[in-house]
Amino acid sequence: MIYREYGQTGKKISLLGFGGMRFKNIDDHDECIRLMITAAKGGINYFDTAPGYSETKSETVFGKSFAEFRKLGLPYYCATKTFESTETGIRREIEAQLKRLNIDSIDFYHIWCISSLSNWENRKKEGVLKTFIKLKEEGLIKHICISSHLMKNQIKELLMEGVFEGVLFGYSAYNFKTRQEAFDAITEKKLGAVVMNPLGGGLIPEHPDLFNFIRRDGESVTAAALRILWDHPEITSTLVGYDTIEHLNETLIAMKDYKPRTLTELEETKMKADISFEGLCTGCGYCDGSCPAAIPIPYYMESYNHKILNKNSKDPIGDRLKWHWNIDRSGAAKCTECGVCEEKCTQHIDIIKRLKEIKST
């Protein structure tokens, strides 16, 4: 396992991180604990979860796993998050989290999902930043971090606060171009840089042929997608949401056999990715339920991905909507262009334009 410095904290974390959002059977605690122990024995020491993952069940599994880690002498760091912004809400949440996680202090605590600058200003006015600083002073958290989906150089405004020690952000083989300025801003501040969705929320392994250009020497597309991120020395960890032992072992093997690209090779591959895969929806679901007209936005945007990915198909959107989601394109006509969904969108996709296209084709 490769370990890298988390910003300027003095902590070294594994280049492979464990994401707790995709357990195959979250109610089978023994199975989930075995998966986490296998990860820790494989050298992973960075474990990330959130209260919203399986309605707090993920944090509960993490707490039981951490207890086993301590018995086995396995090192670990815990990362989790909060959507709360007021001091009352945050304190209520972190008290419950510490109990579920079975720990006295959270190593990396994130202000969760900043999707727009207006969202950030509102949360700051409610006291989120002041509360995080208090929590650190009290020893309830060790490092103040942020989870951001801001595009271009917008994240610079957040980083000017001067209190963040690390950032969790999206960066992968299909969105280098739209994320590059944010990545540059993070590295300029020498912060911990943890990548979420390194496999594009599953899009990359689901379309291996379309992502064949990132492969080298017969490697799997999953290994290639991770390794192209590991080629960036500024990236501290890549956070993979594991569901099975097999999935975990595939990434551990990718780490074991990892050979870095040259800078020239990396830039050439990124240029191909920029051209081919800009604008895909990752399926994060943050827009879900936001539409006043009750349009299931995630289903339509996920189906639109298939138009981008399956360029030779006659009706990729219609086929996906019908055969996968069991809905038709007529629902897109309900759009009133209010823009609420676009405010929620972590990818900053032009949802209104795509809905118009879906209903008219």
Protein backbone atom coordinates (compact mmCIF):
# COMPACT_ATOMS: atom_id res chain seq x y z
CA MET A 1 0.00 0.00 0.00
CA ILE A 2 1.13 3.52 -0.76
CA TYR A 3 0.64 6.18 1.93
CA ARG A 4 0.63 9.92 1.33
CA GLU A 5 0.67 12.95 3.59
CA TYR A 6 -2.80 14.34 4.26
CA GLY A 7 -2.09 17.99 3.55
CA GLN A 8 -0.14 19.54 6.39
CA THR A 9 -1.69 17.48 9.19
CA GLY A 10 1.30 15.17 9.64
CA LYS A 11 -0.93 12.15 9.07
CA LYS A 12 -0.25 9.60 6.34
CA ILE A 13 -3.27 7.90 4.82
CA SER A 14 -3.64 5.09 2.34
CA LEU A 15 -3.88 5.97 -1.34
CA LEU A 16 -6.84 3.59 -1.44
CA GLY A 17 -9.63 4.75 0.86
CA PHE A 18 -12.68 2.76 1.97
CA GLY A 19 -16.07 4.35 1.27
CA GLY A 20 -18.97 3.10 3.36
CA MET A 21 -21.84 3.87 1.03
CA ARG A 22 -22.16 0.70 -1.04
CA PHE A 23 -22.22 -2.33 1.27
CA LYS A 24 -24.01 -5.16 -0.54
CA ASN A 25 -26.02 -6.10 2.54
CA ILE A 26 -25.80 -3.40 5.17
CA ASP A 27 -27.96 -5.41 7.60
CA ASP A 28 -25.48 -8.29 7.66
CA HIS A 29 -23.05 -6.71 10.09
CA ASP A 30 -20.73 -9.71 10.24
CA GLU A 31 -20.28 -9.66 6.46
CA CYS A 32 -19.64 -5.92 6.43
CA ILE A 33 -17.16 -6.16 9.30
CA ARG A 34 -15.26 -8.93 7.50
CA LEU A 35 -15.04 -6.70 4.44
CA MET A 36 -13.65 -3.82 6.48
CA ILE A 37 -11.16 -6.03 8.33
CA THR A 38 -9.93 -7.41 5.00
CA ALA A 39 -9.45 -3.83 3.78
CA ALA A 40 -7.52 -2.87 6.92
CA LYS A 41 -5.33 -5.96 6.69
CA GLY A 42 -4.69 -5.02 3.05
CA GLY A 43 -3.23 -1.70 4.22
CA ILE A 44 -6.22 0.64 3.92
CA ASN A 45 -6.31 2.99 6.90
CA TYR A 46 -8.73 5.71 5.71
CA PHE A 47 -12.40 4.87 6.24
CA ASP A 48 -15.08 7.32 5.14
CA THR A 49 -18.79 7.23 5.93
CA ALA A 50 -21.70 9.61 6.55
CA PRO A 51 -24.92 9.72 8.58
CA GLY A 52 -26.94 9.59 5.37
CA TYR A 53 -25.49 6.31 4.16
CA SER A 54 -28.21 3.69 4.65
CA GLU A 55 -29.88 5.89 7.27
CA THR A 56 -26.93 5.81 9.72
CA LYS A 57 -26.46 2.04 9.35
CA SER A 58 -23.08 2.57 7.70
CA GLU A 59 -21.77 4.48 10.71
CA THR A 60 -23.00 1.70 12.98
CA VAL A 61 -21.11 -0.90 10.95
CA PHE A 62 -18.03 1.31 11.04
CA GLY A 63 -18.27 1.53 14.84
CA LYS A 64 -18.39 -2.24 15.21
CA SER A 65 -15.52 -2.63 12.74
CA PHE A 66 -13.38 -0.06 14.55
CA ALA A 67 -13.82 -2.02 17.77
CA GLU A 68 -12.48 -5.10 15.96
CA PHE A 69 -9.61 -3.07 14.49
CA ARG A 70 -8.53 -2.06 17.98
CA LYS A 71 -8.60 -5.67 19.15
CA LEU A 72 -6.46 -6.69 16.17
CA GLY A 73 -4.11 -3.72 16.41
CA LEU A 74 -5.09 -2.43 12.95
CA PRO A 75 -4.52 1.32 12.44
CA TYR A 76 -7.33 3.46 11.05
CA TYR A 77 -8.57 6.99 10.55
CA CYS A 78 -12.27 7.82 10.58
CA ALA A 79 -13.84 10.36 8.24
CA THR A 80 -17.49 11.32 8.33
CA LYS A 81 -19.71 14.31 7.55
CA THR A 82 -22.68 16.44 8.50
CA PHE A 83 -25.33 18.35 6.55
CA GLU A 84 -26.22 20.30 9.68
CA SER A 85 -25.25 23.97 9.87
CA THR A 86 -26.46 25.31 13.21
CA GLU A 87 -24.50 24.65 16.40
CA THR A 88 -27.49 22.90 17.95
CA GLY A 89 -27.95 20.63 14.92
CA ILE A 90 -24.27 19.82 14.54
CA ARG A 91 -23.78 19.03 18.22
CA ARG A 92 -26.83 16.80 18.25
CA GLU A 93 -25.56 14.99 15.18
CA ILE A 94 -21.95 14.53 16.25
CA GLU A 95 -23.00 13.22 19.66
CA ALA A 96 -24.99 10.48 17.92
CA GLN A 97 -22.18 9.84 15.43
CA LEU A 98 -19.54 9.35 18.11
CA LYS A 99 -21.77 6.76 19.78
CA ARG A 100 -22.46 4.91 16.52
CA LEU A 101 -18.81 5.05 15.49
CA ASN A 102 -17.67 3.91 18.93
CA ILE A 103 -14.92 6.55 19.10
CA ASP A 104 -14.13 9.62 21.21
CA SER A 105 -13.06 11.90 18.36
CA ILE A 106 -13.52 12.05 14.58
CA ASP A 107 -10.26 12.34 12.66
CA PHE A 108 -11.58 14.08 9.53
CA TYR A 109 -14.96 15.80 9.92
CA HIS A 110 -16.51 17.27 6.77
CA ILE A 111 -18.96 20.05 6.14
CA TRP A 112 -20.95 17.97 3.71
CA CYS A 113 -21.77 18.72 0.08
CA ILE A 114 -21.19 22.36 -0.77
CA SER A 115 -22.81 22.54 -4.22
CA SER A 116 -22.96 26.32 -4.72
CA LEU A 117 -21.51 29.49 -3.26
CA SER A 118 -24.96 30.62 -2.12
CA ASN A 119 -25.35 27.30 -0.29
CA TRP A 120 -22.02 27.94 1.42
CA GLU A 121 -22.93 31.49 2.45
CA ASN A 122 -26.23 30.35 3.95
CA ARG A 123 -24.59 27.58 5.95
CA LYS A 124 -21.84 29.88 7.15
CA LYS A 125 -24.44 32.41 8.35
CA GLU A 126 -26.09 29.62 10.33
CA GLY A 127 -22.81 29.08 12.16
CA VAL A 128 -21.32 25.95 10.61
CA LEU A 129 -17.74 27.23 10.49
CA LYS A 130 -17.71 28.65 14.02
CA THR A 131 -19.13 25.41 15.35
CA PHE A 132 -16.52 23.27 13.60
CA ILE A 133 -13.76 25.42 15.08
CA LYS A 134 -15.27 24.94 18.56
CA LEU A 135 -15.50 21.18 18.04
CA LYS A 136 -11.82 21.04 17.15
CA GLU A 137 -10.87 23.13 20.18
CA GLU A 138 -12.87 20.73 22.35
CA GLY A 139 -11.15 17.70 20.82
CA LEU A 140 -14.31 16.20 19.34
CA ILE A 141 -12.82 16.48 15.85
CA LYS A 142 -9.17 16.54 14.86
CA HIS A 143 -9.26 18.08 11.39
CA ILE A 144 -11.77 20.41 9.72
CA CYS A 145 -12.58 19.28 6.20
CA ILE A 146 -15.10 20.03 3.50
CA SER A 147 -16.92 18.03 0.86
CA SER A 148 -17.34 20.15 -2.25
CA HIS A 149 -18.90 19.81 -5.68
CA LEU A 150 -18.07 23.35 -6.79
CA MET A 151 -16.86 23.73 -10.35
CA LYS A 152 -14.06 25.67 -11.99
CA ASN A 153 -12.32 27.97 -9.51
CA GLN A 154 -15.33 28.61 -7.25
CA ILE A 155 -13.81 26.54 -4.50
CA LYS A 156 -11.15 29.20 -4.00
CA GLU A 157 -13.67 31.28 -2.07
CA LEU A 158 -14.16 28.46 0.44
CA LEU A 159 -10.45 27.82 0.81
CA MET A 160 -9.84 31.51 1.58
CA GLU A 161 -11.45 30.83 4.97
CA GLY A 162 -8.07 29.42 5.97
CA VAL A 163 -9.43 26.72 8.31
CA PHE A 164 -9.88 23.72 6.05
CA GLU A 165 -7.24 21.02 6.20
CA GLY A 166 -8.64 18.74 3.52
CA VAL A 167 -11.20 18.53 0.73
CA LEU A 168 -13.32 15.65 -0.52
CA PHE A 169 -14.12 16.26 -4.20
CA GLY A 170 -15.06 14.47 -7.41
CA TYR A 171 -12.35 13.75 -9.97
CA SER A 172 -12.13 10.89 -12.44
CA ALA A 173 -11.33 9.76 -15.96
CA TYR A 174 -14.55 11.28 -17.31
CA ASN A 175 -14.51 14.74 -15.69
CA PHE A 176 -10.89 15.92 -15.51
CA LYS A 177 -11.69 19.04 -17.50
CA THR A 178 -14.57 20.31 -15.36
CA ARG A 179 -12.74 19.53 -12.11
CA GLN A 180 -9.22 20.68 -12.97
CA GLU A 181 -9.44 24.24 -11.66
CA ALA A 182 -10.90 23.03 -8.36
CA PHE A 183 -8.12 20.45 -8.09
CA ASP A 184 -5.50 23.10 -8.79
CA ALA A 185 -6.94 25.35 -6.07
CA ILE A 186 -6.80 22.51 -3.54
CA THR A 187 -3.22 21.57 -4.36
CA GLU A 188 -2.12 25.22 -4.33
CA LYS A 189 -3.17 25.38 -0.66
CA LYS A 190 -1.37 22.08 0.05
CA LEU A 191 -4.51 20.53 1.53
CA GLY A 192 -5.44 16.91 1.88
CA ALA A 193 -7.08 15.90 -1.40
CA VAL A 194 -9.41 12.90 -1.23
CA VAL A 195 -11.20 11.91 -4.42
CA MET A 196 -14.78 10.66 -4.35
CA ASN A 197 -16.34 8.75 -7.25
CA PRO A 198 -12.97 7.74 -8.77
CA LEU A 199 -14.88 5.19 -10.85
CA GLY A 200 -17.50 7.70 -11.93
CA GLY A 201 -20.18 6.31 -9.65
CA GLY A 202 -19.88 2.97 -11.47
CA LEU A 203 -20.07 4.41 -14.98
CA ILE A 204 -16.48 3.50 -15.85
CA PRO A 205 -16.53 -0.22 -14.93
CA GLU A 206 -20.00 -0.53 -16.47
CA HIS A 207 -18.65 0.68 -19.85
CA PRO A 208 -15.18 -0.88 -20.14
CA ASP A 209 -15.05 -0.72 -23.94
CA LEU A 210 -15.81 2.99 -24.02
CA PHE A 211 -13.06 3.65 -21.48
CA ASN A 212 -10.58 1.34 -23.16
CA PHE A 213 -8.25 4.25 -23.96
CA ILE A 214 -7.22 4.58 -20.30
CA ARG A 215 -6.01 0.98 -20.08
CA ARG A 216 -2.38 -0.14 -20.27
CA ASP A 217 -0.89 -3.61 -20.64
CA GLY A 218 -4.16 -5.51 -20.38
CA GLU A 219 -5.19 -3.99 -17.04
CA SER A 220 -8.84 -3.90 -16.06
CA VAL A 221 -10.71 -0.64 -16.59
CA THR A 222 -11.20 -0.38 -12.81
CA ALA A 223 -7.46 -0.63 -12.21
CA ALA A 224 -6.78 1.86 -15.01
CA ALA A 225 -9.28 4.39 -13.66
CA LEU A 226 -7.72 4.26 -10.20
CA ARG A 227 -4.13 4.29 -11.40
CA ILE A 228 -4.62 7.36 -13.56
CA LEU A 229 -5.61 9.17 -10.36
CA TRP A 230 -2.71 7.70 -8.39
CA ASP A 231 -0.44 9.19 -11.05
CA HIS A 232 -1.29 12.59 -9.53
CA PRO A 233 1.10 12.96 -6.58
CA GLU A 234 -1.12 15.71 -5.13
CA ILE A 235 -4.00 13.27 -4.59
CA THR A 236 -3.93 11.91 -1.06
CA SER A 237 -6.47 9.10 -1.41
CA THR A 238 -9.04 7.68 -3.80
CA LEU A 239 -12.26 6.76 -2.05
CA VAL A 240 -13.85 3.57 -3.40
CA GLY A 241 -17.31 2.49 -2.25
CA TYR A 242 -16.81 -1.23 -1.67
CA ASP A 243 -19.61 -3.77 -1.78
CA THR A 244 -17.87 -7.17 -1.86
CA ILE A 245 -14.55 -8.82 -1.02
CA GLU A 246 -14.02 -9.45 -4.74
CA HIS A 247 -14.37 -5.77 -5.53
CA LEU A 248 -11.95 -4.91 -2.72
CA ASN A 249 -9.38 -7.49 -3.83
CA GLU A 250 -9.45 -6.14 -7.40
CA THR A 251 -8.38 -2.72 -6.17
CA LEU A 252 -5.75 -4.13 -3.79
CA ILE A 253 -4.23 -6.05 -6.70
CA ALA A 254 -4.29 -2.86 -8.78
CA MET A 255 -2.32 -1.15 -6.03
CA LYS A 256 0.17 -4.01 -5.74
CA ASP A 257 0.97 -4.01 -9.45
CA TYR A 258 0.86 -0.22 -9.88
CA LYS A 259 3.46 1.39 -12.13
CA PRO A 260 3.11 5.18 -12.58
CA ARG A 261 2.69 6.79 -16.00
CA THR A 262 5.08 9.44 -17.16
CA LEU A 263 3.77 13.02 -17.04
CA THR A 264 3.47 12.99 -20.84
CA GLU A 265 1.43 9.77 -20.79
CA LEU A 266 -0.84 11.15 -18.11
CA GLU A 267 -1.55 14.38 -19.98
CA GLU A 268 -2.24 12.53 -23.23
CA THR A 269 -4.76 10.27 -21.50
CA LYS A 270 -6.45 13.20 -19.76
CA MET A 271 -6.87 15.01 -23.06
CA LYS A 272 -8.68 11.97 -24.49
CA ALA A 273 -10.91 11.81 -21.42
CA ASP A 274 -11.72 15.53 -21.60
CA ILE A 275 -12.94 15.17 -25.16
CA SER A 276 -14.91 11.97 -24.66
CA PHE A 277 -16.70 12.15 -21.33
CA GLU A 278 -17.38 15.69 -20.18
CA GLY A 279 -20.84 16.23 -18.76
CA LEU A 280 -21.86 12.80 -17.52
CA CYS A 281 -24.25 12.58 -14.56
CA THR A 282 -22.67 10.62 -11.67
CA GLY A 283 -26.01 9.64 -10.17
CA CYS A 284 -25.22 11.20 -6.77
CA GLY A 285 -28.96 11.73 -6.21
CA TYR A 286 -28.73 15.17 -4.59
CA CYS A 287 -31.34 16.49 -7.02
CA ASP A 288 -33.72 13.66 -6.14
CA GLY A 289 -37.01 14.94 -4.77
CA SER A 290 -36.16 18.57 -5.46
CA CYS A 291 -38.49 19.03 -8.44
CA PRO A 292 -41.80 20.84 -7.61
CA ALA A 293 -43.35 19.00 -10.57
CA ALA A 294 -42.18 15.65 -9.11
CA ILE A 295 -40.02 14.80 -12.12
CA PRO A 296 -37.60 11.96 -11.18
CA ILE A 297 -34.58 13.97 -12.30
CA PRO A 298 -31.91 11.32 -11.51
CA TYR A 299 -33.62 8.76 -13.77
CA TYR A 300 -33.76 11.16 -16.70
CA MET A 301 -30.18 12.37 -16.28
CA GLU A 302 -28.84 8.82 -15.86
CA SER A 303 -30.68 7.88 -19.04
CA TYR A 304 -29.20 10.88 -20.83
CA ASN A 305 -25.77 9.46 -20.01
CA HIS A 306 -26.59 6.62 -22.34
CA LYS A 307 -27.01 9.04 -25.21
CA ILE A 308 -23.48 10.30 -24.50
CA LEU A 309 -22.03 6.84 -23.99
CA ASN A 310 -23.97 4.84 -26.59
CA LYS A 311 -23.67 7.06 -29.62
CA ASN A 312 -24.52 4.28 -32.07
CA SER A 313 -27.84 3.37 -30.45
CA LYS A 314 -31.04 4.49 -32.18
CA ASP A 315 -32.85 5.65 -29.01
CA PRO A 316 -30.56 5.17 -26.01
CA ILE A 317 -32.55 7.52 -23.74
CA GLY A 318 -35.93 6.00 -24.52
CA ASP A 319 -34.62 2.46 -24.20
CA ARG A 320 -33.02 3.20 -20.84
CA LEU A 321 -36.11 4.93 -19.51
CA LYS A 322 -38.40 2.12 -20.63
CA TRP A 323 -36.39 -1.00 -19.89
CA HIS A 324 -34.40 0.11 -16.85
CA TRP A 325 -36.55 2.69 -15.08
CA ASN A 326 -39.99 1.69 -16.38
CA ILE A 327 -40.96 5.27 -17.23
CA ASP A 328 -41.31 7.17 -20.50
CA ARG A 329 -39.99 10.47 -21.77
CA SER A 330 -43.31 12.30 -21.41
CA GLY A 331 -42.56 13.13 -17.78
CA ALA A 332 -39.83 15.52 -18.93
CA ALA A 333 -42.56 17.78 -20.37
CA LYS A 334 -43.64 18.70 -16.82
CA CYS A 335 -40.52 20.83 -16.39
CA THR A 336 -41.38 24.45 -15.51
CA GLU A 337 -37.74 25.58 -15.79
CA CYS A 338 -37.68 26.75 -12.17
CA GLY A 339 -34.03 25.75 -11.83
CA VAL A 340 -34.26 24.10 -8.40
CA CYS A 341 -32.72 20.87 -9.70
CA GLU A 342 -29.78 22.72 -11.24
CA GLU A 343 -29.08 24.41 -7.90
CA LYS A 344 -28.87 20.95 -6.33
CA CYS A 345 -26.80 19.39 -9.12
CA THR A 346 -23.28 18.54 -7.97
CA GLN A 347 -22.08 18.21 -11.58
CA HIS A 348 -23.57 21.56 -12.63
CA ILE A 349 -25.30 19.88 -15.56
CA ASP A 350 -27.72 21.88 -17.73
CA ILE A 351 -30.69 19.75 -16.60
CA ILE A 352 -33.37 22.00 -18.09
CA LYS A 353 -31.79 21.84 -21.52
CA ARG A 354 -31.49 18.07 -21.34
CA LEU A 355 -35.11 17.64 -20.23
CA LYS A 356 -36.19 19.69 -23.25
CA GLU A 357 -34.13 17.47 -25.49
CA ILE A 358 -35.52 14.31 -23.91
CA LYS A 359 -39.15 15.35 -24.38
CA SER A 360 -38.62 16.50 -27.98
CA THR A 361 -36.82 13.39 -29.31
